[in-house]
Amino acid sequence: MAKYRLANIQDVTALAALRYRYWVEDGEDAAEVSEDKFIGAFTARISEAFERDELFCWLATIDKKIVSTLYVQVVRKLPKPSKVVDQFGYATNFYTIPEQRGHGIGRMLLRKTKQWALSVDLEFIIAWPSDDSIRLWKSEAFKENESVICDIRPYVN
């Protein structure tokens, strides 16, 4: 049975290894750095973001092993007279290890993340889901939205 919780600083090395695994499995571009160098860089950056409460990661574990993740970068909005403090979330790296897919773990992780987002007063969560996961996002009340985007440089997958 999966357990769900927010990641903490003690999880960062395991999260880094899982991110590298995800990239090797699903990334279209070859890794530019070794796994060890990546884990070091990831650990430093994510630890700092966790400590500043800028980035949060919901995770699912089975027997204390991380099997699914969903990161949310909190974006603080410009103050406005009607709500001086406001924020939204950018969801990224929604990943479940292949051997645990199709068991509802990702769906429950997404639900837990939405419950948390409400508890911390996020206005909305935005994501760019993969073609494989778009049905799941839509089934959990995410909708396609009109927006504009300007590509500044080529996307690196």
Protein backbone atom coordinates (compact mmCIF):
# COMPACT_ATOMS: atom_id res chain seq x y z
CA MET A 1 0.00 0.00 0.00
CA ALA A 2 1.38 3.38 -0.98
CA LYS A 3 1.88 6.16 1.55
CA TYR A 4 1.81 9.81 0.52
CA ARG A 5 3.68 12.76 2.01
CA LEU A 6 5.64 15.90 1.28
CA ALA A 7 9.31 15.29 0.64
CA ASN A 8 11.88 16.68 3.04
CA ILE A 9 15.56 17.47 2.89
CA GLN A 10 16.46 13.87 3.79
CA ASP A 11 14.77 12.69 0.57
CA VAL A 12 16.76 14.86 -1.83
CA THR A 13 19.45 12.34 -2.81
CA ALA A 14 16.84 9.65 -3.53
CA LEU A 15 14.80 12.21 -5.50
CA ALA A 16 17.89 13.07 -7.54
CA ALA A 17 18.50 9.41 -8.39
CA LEU A 18 14.86 8.99 -9.37
CA ARG A 19 14.98 12.10 -11.57
CA TYR A 20 18.05 10.71 -13.33
CA ARG A 21 16.27 7.37 -13.83
CA TYR A 22 13.26 9.17 -15.30
CA TRP A 23 15.52 11.06 -17.69
CA VAL A 24 17.30 7.93 -18.87
CA GLU A 25 13.93 6.21 -19.47
CA ASP A 26 11.89 9.07 -20.94
CA GLY A 27 14.22 11.91 -21.93
CA GLU A 28 14.64 12.57 -25.63
CA ASP A 29 17.98 14.30 -25.17
CA ALA A 30 21.11 12.55 -23.96
CA ALA A 31 22.39 13.44 -20.52
CA GLU A 32 25.16 16.05 -20.62
CA VAL A 33 26.63 15.09 -17.23
CA SER A 34 27.40 11.88 -15.38
CA GLU A 35 24.87 10.51 -12.92
CA ASP A 36 27.12 11.44 -9.96
CA LYS A 37 27.58 15.01 -11.18
CA PHE A 38 23.85 15.33 -11.81
CA ILE A 39 22.95 14.04 -8.35
CA GLY A 40 25.34 16.56 -6.78
CA ALA A 41 23.92 19.48 -8.75
CA PHE A 42 20.30 18.40 -8.23
CA THR A 43 20.82 17.90 -4.51
CA ALA A 44 22.34 21.36 -4.04
CA ARG A 45 19.66 23.18 -6.02
CA ILE A 46 16.64 21.30 -4.70
CA SER A 47 17.83 21.45 -1.08
CA GLU A 48 18.07 25.23 -1.35
CA ALA A 49 14.61 25.48 -2.95
CA PHE A 50 13.09 23.25 -0.24
CA GLU A 51 14.69 25.35 2.51
CA ARG A 52 13.29 28.55 0.97
CA ASP A 53 9.79 27.03 0.61
CA GLU A 54 9.89 27.75 -3.12
CA LEU A 55 9.58 24.15 -4.25
CA PHE A 56 7.61 21.28 -2.81
CA CYS A 57 7.51 17.65 -3.81
CA TRP A 58 4.70 15.30 -3.05
CA LEU A 59 5.76 11.70 -3.16
CA ALA A 60 4.38 8.20 -2.84
CA THR A 61 6.34 5.47 -1.12
CA ILE A 62 5.97 1.73 -0.89
CA ASP A 63 8.03 0.04 1.81
CA LYS A 64 9.86 3.38 2.29
CA LYS A 65 10.96 3.43 -1.38
CA ILE A 66 9.91 6.47 -3.45
CA VAL A 67 7.77 5.25 -6.35
CA SER A 68 6.10 8.46 -7.55
CA THR A 69 6.76 12.21 -7.45
CA LEU A 70 5.03 15.45 -8.30
CA TYR A 71 6.91 18.73 -7.80
CA VAL A 72 5.20 22.08 -7.36
CA GLN A 73 7.13 25.33 -7.78
CA VAL A 74 5.31 28.09 -5.90
CA VAL A 75 5.12 31.33 -7.89
CA ARG A 76 4.32 34.43 -5.88
CA LYS A 77 2.15 36.84 -7.83
CA LEU A 78 2.53 40.58 -8.00
CA PRO A 79 0.48 42.22 -5.22
CA LYS A 80 -2.85 43.70 -6.20
CA PRO A 81 -5.24 45.81 -4.16
CA SER A 82 -7.77 43.01 -3.87
CA LYS A 83 -5.24 40.40 -2.69
CA VAL A 84 -1.82 41.58 -1.62
CA VAL A 85 -0.40 38.08 -1.12
CA ASP A 86 -1.29 35.55 -3.79
CA GLN A 87 0.43 32.61 -5.43
CA PHE A 88 -0.01 29.74 -7.84
CA GLY A 89 1.78 26.49 -8.48
CA TYR A 90 3.69 25.15 -11.46
CA ALA A 91 3.57 21.36 -11.42
CA THR A 92 6.42 19.44 -12.97
CA ASN A 93 8.13 16.05 -13.02
CA PHE A 94 5.02 13.97 -12.37
CA TYR A 95 6.61 10.55 -12.50
CA THR A 96 5.71 7.05 -11.36
CA ILE A 97 8.18 4.23 -11.78
CA PRO A 98 7.01 1.91 -14.58
CA GLU A 99 6.41 -1.11 -12.37
CA GLN A 100 3.90 0.87 -10.25
CA ARG A 101 1.92 2.49 -13.07
CA GLY A 102 -1.72 1.61 -13.54
CA HIS A 103 -2.41 1.07 -9.82
CA GLY A 104 -3.87 4.51 -9.02
CA ILE A 105 -0.74 5.80 -7.27
CA GLY A 106 -0.29 8.77 -9.62
CA ARG A 107 -3.98 9.65 -9.41
CA MET A 108 -3.89 9.66 -5.60
CA LEU A 109 -0.65 11.67 -5.63
CA LEU A 110 -2.30 14.27 -7.84
CA ARG A 111 -5.29 14.41 -5.47
CA LYS A 112 -3.05 14.82 -2.42
CA THR A 113 -1.19 17.60 -4.21
CA LYS A 114 -4.44 19.40 -5.02
CA GLN A 115 -5.59 19.12 -1.38
CA TRP A 116 -2.27 20.55 -0.21
CA ALA A 117 -2.50 23.36 -2.80
CA LEU A 118 -5.85 24.39 -1.36
CA SER A 119 -4.45 24.28 2.19
CA VAL A 120 -1.62 26.67 1.27
CA ASP A 121 -3.95 28.95 -0.70
CA LEU A 122 -2.62 28.45 -4.23
CA GLU A 123 -4.95 30.08 -6.74
CA PHE A 124 -4.34 27.39 -9.38
CA ILE A 125 -1.85 24.81 -10.55
CA ILE A 126 -0.49 24.94 -14.09
CA ALA A 127 1.23 22.04 -15.82
CA TRP A 128 2.38 20.90 -19.22
CA PRO A 129 1.45 17.22 -19.10
CA SER A 130 2.86 14.58 -21.38
CA ASP A 131 0.67 13.05 -24.04
CA ASP A 132 0.61 9.87 -21.95
CA SER A 133 -0.72 11.63 -18.84
CA ILE A 134 -3.11 14.26 -20.20
CA ARG A 135 -6.18 12.04 -19.65
CA LEU A 136 -5.27 11.61 -15.98
CA TRP A 137 -4.86 15.36 -15.47
CA LYS A 138 -8.19 16.08 -17.17
CA SER A 139 -9.95 13.40 -15.12
CA GLU A 140 -8.81 15.23 -11.97
CA ALA A 141 -10.44 18.56 -12.97
CA PHE A 142 -7.53 20.07 -14.87
CA LYS A 143 -8.62 21.78 -18.04
CA GLU A 144 -6.94 23.10 -21.11
CA ASN A 145 -6.67 26.84 -20.89
CA GLU A 146 -6.00 29.58 -23.38
CA SER A 147 -2.60 31.09 -22.85
CA VAL A 148 0.17 32.60 -24.86
CA ILE A 149 3.75 31.53 -24.88
CA CYS A 150 6.87 32.82 -26.57
CA ASP A 151 9.69 30.36 -27.05
CA ILE A 152 12.89 32.21 -26.19
CA ARG A 153 15.20 29.31 -26.95
CA PRO A 154 14.72 25.72 -28.09
CA TYR A 155 13.23 23.43 -25.47
CA VAL A 156 15.63 20.88 -24.00
CA ASN A 157 13.62 17.79 -23.13
